Amino acid sequence: MQEVDVTFGRAAQIWWAWCWRTVLFSLLCSLPIGFVIGFVGAGIGITRQQAGLTGMLIGIILGLFLSVLVMSKILKKKFGVYRIALVQT
């Protein structure tokens, strides 16, 4: 196995592969969950501030989970002529 240098371009390519997927999946999951929290919250009479705080906390937890899930997918992805490998030292 031949190591390649970590360049700005390669780092940016890997970061972008992770970033756009994380943002997209987070939005696609957070919007319906936020809607449900707002709808249910209005039904049970919680304030907007409480619903907003609840939604924000759930969004943070969901975003963290999804970012790790996306990273696991990125670690399996091929980037042209190279891929990321975890090597035991």
PDB file of N, CA and C in Angstrom:
ATOM      1  N   MET A   1       0.850  -1.164   0.000  1.00  0.00           N
ATOM      2  CA  MET A   1       0.000   0.000   0.000  1.00  0.00           C
ATOM      3  C   MET A   1       0.903   1.237   0.000  1.00  0.00           C
ATOM      4  N   GLN A   2       0.640   2.127  -0.935  1.00  0.00           N
ATOM      5  CA  GLN A   2       1.439   3.347  -1.055  1.00  0.00           C
ATOM      6  C   GLN A   2       0.680   4.513  -0.424  1.00  0.00           C
ATOM      7  N   GLU A   3       1.340   5.233   0.473  1.00  0.00           N
ATOM      8  CA  GLU A   3       0.742   6.422   1.077  1.00  0.00           C
ATOM      9  C   GLU A   3       0.863   7.595   0.130  1.00  0.00           C
ATOM     10  N   VAL A   4      -0.162   8.448   0.118  1.00  0.00           N
ATOM     11  CA  VAL A   4      -0.103   9.681  -0.655  1.00  0.00           C
ATOM     12  C   VAL A   4      -0.090  10.854   0.328  1.00  0.00           C
ATOM     13  N   ASP A   5       0.459  11.972  -0.118  1.00  0.00           N
ATOM     14  CA  ASP A   5       0.526  13.152   0.738  1.00  0.00           C
ATOM     15  C   ASP A   5      -0.864  13.726   0.972  1.00  0.00           C
ATOM     16  N   VAL A   6      -1.050  14.258   2.170  1.00  0.00           N
ATOM     17  CA  VAL A   6      -2.289  14.963   2.476  1.00  0.00           C
ATOM     18  C   VAL A   6      -2.112  16.401   1.998  1.00  0.00           C
ATOM     19  N   THR A   7      -2.816  16.735   0.937  1.00  0.00           N
ATOM     20  CA  THR A   7      -2.751  18.089   0.396  1.00  0.00           C
ATOM     21  C   THR A   7      -4.045  18.828   0.730  1.00  0.00           C
ATOM     22  N   PHE A   8      -4.007  20.131   0.544  1.00  0.00           N
ATOM     23  CA  PHE A   8      -5.214  20.920   0.789  1.00  0.00           C
ATOM     24  C   PHE A   8      -6.350  20.450  -0.117  1.00  0.00           C
ATOM     25  N   GLY A   9      -6.037  20.202  -1.384  1.00  0.00           N
ATOM     26  CA  GLY A   9      -7.058  19.760  -2.338  1.00  0.00           C
ATOM     27  C   GLY A   9      -7.703  18.440  -1.946  1.00  0.00           C
ATOM     28  N   ARG A  10      -6.892  17.481  -1.514  1.00  0.00           N
ATOM     29  CA  ARG A  10      -7.434  16.185  -1.097  1.00  0.00           C
ATOM     30  C   ARG A  10      -8.257  16.324   0.175  1.00  0.00           C
ATOM     31  N   ALA A  11      -7.750  17.113   1.117  1.00  0.00           N
ATOM     32  CA  ALA A  11      -8.488  17.329   2.362  1.00  0.00           C
ATOM     33  C   ALA A  11      -9.823  18.020   2.073  1.00  0.00           C
ATOM     34  N   ALA A  12      -9.820  19.005   1.181  1.00  0.00           N
ATOM     35  CA  ALA A  12     -11.048  19.714   0.821  1.00  0.00           C
ATOM     36  C   ALA A  12     -12.039  18.784   0.133  1.00  0.00           C
ATOM     37  N   GLN A  13     -11.538  17.895  -0.717  1.00  0.00           N
ATOM     38  CA  GLN A  13     -12.412  16.947  -1.412  1.00  0.00           C
ATOM     39  C   GLN A  13     -13.091  16.008  -0.419  1.00  0.00           C
ATOM     40  N   ILE A  14     -12.349  15.512   0.546  1.00  0.00           N
ATOM     41  CA  ILE A  14     -12.906  14.611   1.551  1.00  0.00           C
ATOM     42  C   ILE A  14     -13.872  15.371   2.460  1.00  0.00           C
ATOM     43  N   TRP A  15     -13.482  16.578   2.871  1.00  0.00           N
ATOM     44  CA  TRP A  15     -14.351  17.386   3.716  1.00  0.00           C
ATOM     45  C   TRP A  15     -15.662  17.694   3.005  1.00  0.00           C
ATOM     46  N   TRP A  16     -15.600  18.077   1.743  1.00  0.00           N
ATOM     47  CA  TRP A  16     -16.813  18.412   1.002  1.00  0.00           C
ATOM     48  C   TRP A  16     -17.708  17.185   0.849  1.00  0.00           C
ATOM     49  N   ALA A  17     -17.121  16.019   0.609  1.00  0.00           N
ATOM     50  CA  ALA A  17     -17.912  14.789   0.495  1.00  0.00           C
ATOM     51  C   ALA A  17     -18.675  14.531   1.788  1.00  0.00           C
ATOM     52  N   TRP A  18     -18.048  14.831   2.917  1.00  0.00           N
ATOM     53  CA  TRP A  18     -18.697  14.639   4.219  1.00  0.00           C
ATOM     54  C   TRP A  18     -19.714  15.749   4.486  1.00  0.00           C
ATOM     55  N   CYS A  19     -19.330  17.002   4.207  1.00  0.00           N
ATOM     56  CA  CYS A  19     -20.128  18.161   4.570  1.00  0.00           C
ATOM     57  C   CYS A  19     -21.492  18.192   3.872  1.00  0.00           C
ATOM     58  N   TRP A  20     -21.525  18.075   2.555  1.00  0.00           N
ATOM     59  CA  TRP A  20     -22.793  18.230   1.868  1.00  0.00           C
ATOM     60  C   TRP A  20     -23.752  17.102   2.212  1.00  0.00           C
ATOM     61  N   ARG A  21     -23.220  15.895   2.405  1.00  0.00           N
ATOM     62  CA  ARG A  21     -24.096  14.788   2.786  1.00  0.00           C
ATOM     63  C   ARG A  21     -24.670  14.985   4.188  1.00  0.00           C
ATOM     64  N   THR A  22     -23.831  15.447   5.104  1.00  0.00           N
ATOM     65  CA  THR A  22     -24.293  15.682   6.469  1.00  0.00           C
ATOM     66  C   THR A  22     -25.369  16.756   6.503  1.00  0.00           C
ATOM     67  N   VAL A  23     -25.154  17.847   5.804  1.00  0.00           N
ATOM     68  CA  VAL A  23     -26.141  18.931   5.777  1.00  0.00           C
ATOM     69  C   VAL A  23     -27.443  18.445   5.141  1.00  0.00           C
ATOM     70  N   LEU A  24     -27.350  17.767   4.022  1.00  0.00           N
ATOM     71  CA  LEU A  24     -28.551  17.289   3.330  1.00  0.00           C
ATOM     72  C   LEU A  24     -29.344  16.311   4.195  1.00  0.00           C
ATOM     73  N   PHE A  25     -28.684  15.301   4.728  1.00  0.00           N
ATOM     74  CA  PHE A  25     -29.386  14.308   5.548  1.00  0.00           C
ATOM     75  C   PHE A  25     -29.951  14.938   6.814  1.00  0.00           C
ATOM     76  N   SER A  26     -29.221  15.871   7.418  1.00  0.00           N
ATOM     77  CA  SER A  26     -29.712  16.545   8.621  1.00  0.00           C
ATOM     78  C   SER A  26     -30.975  17.352   8.316  1.00  0.00           C
ATOM     79  N   LEU A  27     -30.966  18.069   7.200  1.00  0.00           N
ATOM     80  CA  LEU A  27     -32.159  18.841   6.822  1.00  0.00           C
ATOM     81  C   LEU A  27     -33.340  17.929   6.526  1.00  0.00           C
ATOM     82  N   LEU A  28     -33.087  16.872   5.774  1.00  0.00           N
ATOM     83  CA  LEU A  28     -34.178  15.964   5.411  1.00  0.00           C
ATOM     84  C   LEU A  28     -34.787  15.269   6.620  1.00  0.00           C
ATOM     85  N   CYS A  29     -33.985  15.037   7.643  1.00  0.00           N
ATOM     86  CA  CYS A  29     -34.502  14.394   8.853  1.00  0.00           C
ATOM     87  C   CYS A  29     -35.055  15.418   9.847  1.00  0.00           C
ATOM     88  N   SER A  30     -34.436  16.578   9.940  1.00  0.00           N
ATOM     89  CA  SER A  30     -34.824  17.567  10.947  1.00  0.00           C
ATOM     90  C   SER A  30     -36.135  18.277  10.617  1.00  0.00           C
ATOM     91  N   LEU A  31     -36.388  18.532   9.349  1.00  0.00           N
ATOM     92  CA  LEU A  31     -37.612  19.251   8.991  1.00  0.00           C
ATOM     93  C   LEU A  31     -38.875  18.505   9.414  1.00  0.00           C
ATOM     94  N   PRO A  32     -39.009  17.209   9.087  1.00  0.00           N
ATOM     95  CA  PRO A  32     -40.218  16.508   9.535  1.00  0.00           C
ATOM     96  C   PRO A  32     -40.293  16.379  11.058  1.00  0.00           C
ATOM     97  N   ILE A  33     -39.152  16.179  11.705  1.00  0.00           N
ATOM     98  CA  ILE A  33     -39.154  16.051  13.162  1.00  0.00           C
ATOM     99  C   ILE A  33     -39.546  17.379  13.798  1.00  0.00           C
ATOM    100  N   GLY A  34     -39.033  18.485  13.269  1.00  0.00           N
ATOM    101  CA  GLY A  34     -39.409  19.800  13.771  1.00  0.00           C
ATOM    102  C   GLY A  34     -40.888  20.082  13.593  1.00  0.00           C
ATOM    103  N   PHE A  35     -41.430  19.663  12.466  1.00  0.00           N
ATOM    104  CA  PHE A  35     -42.859  19.833  12.214  1.00  0.00           C
ATOM    105  C   PHE A  35     -43.679  19.060  13.243  1.00  0.00           C
ATOM    106  N   VAL A  36     -43.294  17.824  13.486  1.00  0.00           N
ATOM    107  CA  VAL A  36     -44.020  16.989  14.449  1.00  0.00           C
ATOM    108  C   VAL A  36     -43.925  17.588  15.850  1.00  0.00           C
ATOM    109  N   ILE A  37     -42.730  18.030  16.234  1.00  0.00           N
ATOM    110  CA  ILE A  37     -42.565  18.637  17.564  1.00  0.00           C
ATOM    111  C   ILE A  37     -43.453  19.874  17.687  1.00  0.00           C
ATOM    112  N   GLY A  38     -43.482  20.723  16.662  1.00  0.00           N
ATOM    113  CA  GLY A  38     -44.323  21.915  16.688  1.00  0.00           C
ATOM    114  C   GLY A  38     -45.802  21.574  16.735  1.00  0.00           C
ATOM    115  N   PHE A  39     -46.203  20.599  15.954  1.00  0.00           N
ATOM    116  CA  PHE A  39     -47.615  20.193  15.890  1.00  0.00           C
ATOM    117  C   PHE A  39     -48.060  19.590  17.218  1.00  0.00           C
ATOM    118  N   VAL A  40     -47.279  18.657  17.737  1.00  0.00           N
ATOM    119  CA  VAL A  40     -47.614  18.016  19.008  1.00  0.00           C
ATOM    120  C   VAL A  40     -47.531  19.027  20.147  1.00  0.00           C
ATOM    121  N   GLY A  41     -46.483  19.867  20.104  1.00  0.00           N
ATOM    122  CA  GLY A  41     -46.339  20.879  21.145  1.00  0.00           C
ATOM    123  C   GLY A  41     -47.517  21.829  21.200  1.00  0.00           C
ATOM    124  N   ALA A  42     -48.010  22.241  20.054  1.00  0.00           N
ATOM    125  CA  ALA A  42     -49.173  23.121  20.016  1.00  0.00           C
ATOM    126  C   ALA A  42     -50.402  22.407  20.569  1.00  0.00           C
ATOM    127  N   GLY A  43     -50.487  21.111  20.287  1.00  0.00           N
ATOM    128  CA  GLY A  43     -51.626  20.330  20.761  1.00  0.00           C
ATOM    129  C   GLY A  43     -51.647  20.145  22.270  1.00  0.00           C
ATOM    130  N   ILE A  44     -50.472  20.054  22.873  1.00  0.00           N
ATOM    131  CA  ILE A  44     -50.437  19.838  24.325  1.00  0.00           C
ATOM    132  C   ILE A  44     -50.193  21.131  25.093  1.00  0.00           C
ATOM    133  N   GLY A  45     -50.051  22.229  24.373  1.00  0.00           N
ATOM    134  CA  GLY A  45     -50.001  23.538  25.005  1.00  0.00           C
ATOM    135  C   GLY A  45     -48.646  24.007  25.505  1.00  0.00           C
ATOM    136  N   ILE A  46     -47.556  23.497  24.947  1.00  0.00           N
ATOM    137  CA  ILE A  46     -46.258  24.029  25.362  1.00  0.00           C
ATOM    138  C   ILE A  46     -45.974  25.323  24.595  1.00  0.00           C
ATOM    139  N   THR A  47     -45.138  26.148  25.157  1.00  0.00           N
ATOM    140  CA  THR A  47     -44.857  27.438  24.536  1.00  0.00           C
ATOM    141  C   THR A  47     -43.941  27.265  23.323  1.00  0.00           C
ATOM    142  N   ARG A  48     -43.890  28.299  22.515  1.00  0.00           N
ATOM    143  CA  ARG A  48     -42.993  28.270  21.348  1.00  0.00           C
ATOM    144  C   ARG A  48     -41.546  28.138  21.783  1.00  0.00           C
ATOM    145  N   GLN A  49     -41.209  28.811  22.877  1.00  0.00           N
ATOM    146  CA  GLN A  49     -39.837  28.765  23.380  1.00  0.00           C
ATOM    147  C   GLN A  49     -39.472  27.342  23.807  1.00  0.00           C
ATOM    148  N   GLN A  50     -40.369  26.666  24.498  1.00  0.00           N
ATOM    149  CA  GLN A  50     -40.114  25.287  24.918  1.00  0.00           C
ATOM    150  C   GLN A  50     -40.015  24.360  23.703  1.00  0.00           C
ATOM    151  N   ALA A  51     -40.899  24.538  22.739  1.00  0.00           N
ATOM    152  CA  ALA A  51     -40.859  23.718  21.530  1.00  0.00           C
ATOM    153  C   ALA A  51     -39.581  23.977  20.755  1.00  0.00           C
ATOM    154  N   GLY A  52     -39.158  25.247  20.684  1.00  0.00           N
ATOM    155  CA  GLY A  52     -37.921  25.586  19.980  1.00  0.00           C
ATOM    156  C   GLY A  52     -36.708  24.968  20.647  1.00  0.00           C
ATOM    157  N   LEU A  53     -36.664  25.023  21.971  1.00  0.00           N
ATOM    158  CA  LEU A  53     -35.551  24.429  22.707  1.00  0.00           C
ATOM    159  C   LEU A  53     -35.524  22.913  22.533  1.00  0.00           C
ATOM    160  N   THR A  54     -36.676  22.280  22.616  1.00  0.00           N
ATOM    161  CA  THR A  54     -36.765  20.835  22.417  1.00  0.00           C
ATOM    162  C   THR A  54     -36.313  20.458  21.010  1.00  0.00           C
ATOM    163  N   GLY A  55     -36.799  21.193  20.028  1.00  0.00           N
ATOM    164  CA  GLY A  55     -36.405  20.932  18.644  1.00  0.00           C
ATOM    165  C   GLY A  55     -34.921  21.122  18.423  1.00  0.00           C
ATOM    166  N   MET A  56     -34.349  22.161  19.061  1.00  0.00           N
ATOM    167  CA  MET A  56     -32.927  22.418  18.909  1.00  0.00           C
ATOM    168  C   MET A  56     -32.103  21.277  19.514  1.00  0.00           C
ATOM    169  N   LEU A  57     -32.471  20.808  20.688  1.00  0.00           N
ATOM    170  CA  LEU A  57     -31.741  19.716  21.331  1.00  0.00           C
ATOM    171  C   LEU A  57     -31.835  18.416  20.525  1.00  0.00           C
ATOM    172  N   ILE A  58     -33.013  18.119  20.042  1.00  0.00           N
ATOM    173  CA  ILE A  58     -33.175  16.929  19.213  1.00  0.00           C
ATOM    174  C   ILE A  58     -32.390  17.077  17.914  1.00  0.00           C
ATOM    175  N   GLY A  59     -32.389  18.281  17.338  1.00  0.00           N
ATOM    176  CA  GLY A  59     -31.627  18.538  16.118  1.00  0.00           C
ATOM    177  C   GLY A  59     -30.131  18.356  16.313  1.00  0.00           C
ATOM    178  N   ILE A  60     -29.618  18.812  17.445  1.00  0.00           N
ATOM    179  CA  ILE A  60     -28.192  18.648  17.732  1.00  0.00           C
ATOM    180  C   ILE A  60     -27.837  17.177  17.857  1.00  0.00           C
ATOM    181  N   ILE A  61     -28.629  16.440  18.604  1.00  0.00           N
ATOM    182  CA  ILE A  61     -28.369  15.000  18.782  1.00  0.00           C
ATOM    183  C   ILE A  61     -28.467  14.274  17.446  1.00  0.00           C
ATOM    184  N   LEU A  62     -29.495  14.582  16.675  1.00  0.00           N
ATOM    185  CA  LEU A  62     -29.670  13.959  15.360  1.00  0.00           C
ATOM    186  C   LEU A  62     -28.521  14.323  14.431  1.00  0.00           C
ATOM    187  N   GLY A  63     -28.108  15.588  14.438  1.00  0.00           N
ATOM    188  CA  GLY A  63     -27.001  16.023  13.593  1.00  0.00           C
ATOM    189  C   GLY A  63     -25.698  15.319  13.928  1.00  0.00           C
ATOM    190  N   LEU A  64     -25.420  15.148  15.214  1.00  0.00           N
ATOM    191  CA  LEU A  64     -24.215  14.432  15.622  1.00  0.00           C
ATOM    192  C   LEU A  64     -24.252  12.976  15.152  1.00  0.00           C
ATOM    193  N   PHE A  65     -25.393  12.328  15.353  1.00  0.00           N
ATOM    194  CA  PHE A  65     -25.532  10.937  14.918  1.00  0.00           C
ATOM    195  C   PHE A  65     -25.353  10.825  13.405  1.00  0.00           C
ATOM    196  N   LEU A  66     -26.013  11.699  12.658  1.00  0.00           N
ATOM    197  CA  LEU A  66     -25.927  11.635  11.197  1.00  0.00           C
ATOM    198  C   LEU A  66     -24.521  11.951  10.693  1.00  0.00           C
ATOM    199  N   SER A  67     -23.814  12.865  11.354  1.00  0.00           N
ATOM    200  CA  SER A  67     -22.459  13.190  10.909  1.00  0.00           C
ATOM    201  C   SER A  67     -21.523  11.995  11.060  1.00  0.00           C
ATOM    202  N   VAL A  68     -21.694  11.220  12.128  1.00  0.00           N
ATOM    203  CA  VAL A  68     -20.886  10.008  12.300  1.00  0.00           C
ATOM    204  C   VAL A  68     -21.291   8.950  11.275  1.00  0.00           C
ATOM    205  N   LEU A  69     -22.583   8.822  11.024  1.00  0.00           N
ATOM    206  CA  LEU A  69     -23.064   7.874  10.017  1.00  0.00           C
ATOM    207  C   LEU A  69     -22.499   8.221   8.645  1.00  0.00           C
ATOM    208  N   VAL A  70     -22.517   9.488   8.283  1.00  0.00           N
ATOM    209  CA  VAL A  70     -21.967   9.927   7.000  1.00  0.00           C
ATOM    210  C   VAL A  70     -20.464   9.670   6.946  1.00  0.00           C
ATOM    211  N   MET A  71     -19.756   9.928   8.051  1.00  0.00           N
ATOM    212  CA  MET A  71     -18.308   9.685   8.078  1.00  0.00           C
ATOM    213  C   MET A  71     -18.007   8.206   7.825  1.00  0.00           C
ATOM    214  N   SER A  72     -18.821   7.315   8.374  1.00  0.00           N
ATOM    215  CA  SER A  72     -18.585   5.888   8.127  1.00  0.00           C
ATOM    216  C   SER A  72     -18.752   5.560   6.639  1.00  0.00           C
ATOM    217  N   LYS A  73     -19.666   6.238   5.974  1.00  0.00           N
ATOM    218  CA  LYS A  73     -19.847   6.038   4.525  1.00  0.00           C
ATOM    219  C   LYS A  73     -18.658   6.620   3.749  1.00  0.00           C
ATOM    220  N   ILE A  74     -18.164   7.779   4.173  1.00  0.00           N
ATOM    221  CA  ILE A  74     -17.036   8.427   3.503  1.00  0.00           C
ATOM    222  C   ILE A  74     -15.783   7.556   3.619  1.00  0.00           C
ATOM    223  N   LEU A  75     -15.619   6.894   4.754  1.00  0.00           N
ATOM    224  CA  LEU A  75     -14.442   6.044   4.937  1.00  0.00           C
ATOM    225  C   LEU A  75     -14.431   4.857   3.973  1.00  0.00           C
ATOM    226  N   LYS A  76     -15.583   4.518   3.401  1.00  0.00           N
ATOM    227  CA  LYS A  76     -15.676   3.407   2.438  1.00  0.00           C
ATOM    228  C   LYS A  76     -15.654   3.892   0.990  1.00  0.00           C
ATOM    229  N   LYS A  77     -15.696   5.204   0.783  1.00  0.00           N
ATOM    230  CA  LYS A  77     -15.800   5.785  -0.561  1.00  0.00           C
ATOM    231  C   LYS A  77     -14.436   5.858  -1.241  1.00  0.00           C
ATOM    232  N   LYS A  78     -14.439   5.699  -2.545  1.00  0.00           N
ATOM    233  CA  LYS A  78     -13.218   5.894  -3.332  1.00  0.00           C
ATOM    234  C   LYS A  78     -13.214   7.309  -3.879  1.00  0.00           C
ATOM    235  N   PHE A  79     -12.057   7.945  -3.802  1.00  0.00           N
ATOM    236  CA  PHE A  79     -11.860   9.307  -4.288  1.00  0.00           C
ATOM    237  C   PHE A  79     -10.916   9.250  -5.482  1.00  0.00           C
ATOM    238  N   GLY A  80     -11.456   8.928  -6.630  1.00  0.00           N
ATOM    239  CA  GLY A  80     -10.614   8.809  -7.829  1.00  0.00           C
ATOM    240  C   GLY A  80      -9.643   7.655  -7.700  1.00  0.00           C
ATOM    241  N   VAL A  81      -8.368   7.967  -7.609  1.00  0.00           N
ATOM    242  CA  VAL A  81      -7.336   6.921  -7.565  1.00  0.00           C
ATOM    243  C   VAL A  81      -6.938   6.559  -6.140  1.00  0.00           C
ATOM    244  N   TYR A  82      -7.576   7.139  -5.148  1.00  0.00           N
ATOM    245  CA  TYR A  82      -7.236   6.803  -3.770  1.00  0.00           C
ATOM    246  C   TYR A  82      -8.501   6.636  -2.939  1.00  0.00           C
ATOM    247  N   ARG A  83      -8.334   6.087  -1.750  1.00  0.00           N
ATOM    248  CA  ARG A  83      -9.406   5.954  -0.776  1.00  0.00           C
ATOM    249  C   ARG A  83      -8.795   6.145   0.606  1.00  0.00           C
ATOM    250  N   ILE A  84      -9.628   6.353   1.575  1.00  0.00           N
ATOM    251  CA  ILE A  84      -9.165   6.515   2.943  1.00  0.00           C
ATOM    252  C   ILE A  84      -9.050   5.124   3.558  1.00  0.00           C
ATOM    253  N   ALA A  85      -7.955   4.868   4.252  1.00  0.00           N
ATOM    254  CA  ALA A  85      -7.776   3.577   4.902  1.00  0.00           C
ATOM    255  C   ALA A  85      -7.377   3.790   6.357  1.00  0.00           C
ATOM    256  N   LEU A  86      -7.958   3.005   7.234  1.00  0.00           N
ATOM    257  CA  LEU A  86      -7.533   2.996   8.618  1.00  0.00           C
ATOM    258  C   LEU A  86      -6.487   1.896   8.763  1.00  0.00           C
ATOM    259  N   VAL A  87      -5.327   2.280   9.251  1.00  0.00           N
ATOM    260  CA  VAL A  87      -4.209   1.342   9.334  1.00  0.00           C
ATOM    261  C   VAL A  87      -3.781   1.241  10.782  1.00  0.00           C
ATOM    262  N   GLN A  88      -3.723   0.018  11.284  1.00  0.00           N
ATOM    263  CA  GLN A  88      -3.273  -0.178  12.643  1.00  0.00           C
ATOM    264  C   GLN A  88      -1.765   0.038  12.729  1.00  0.00           C
ATOM    265  N   THR A  89      -1.317   0.774  13.738  1.00  0.00           N
ATOM    266  CA  THR A  89       0.119   1.035  13.894  1.00  0.00           C
ATOM    267  C   THR A  89       0.679   0.267  15.062  1.00  0.00           C
TER     268      THR A  89
END
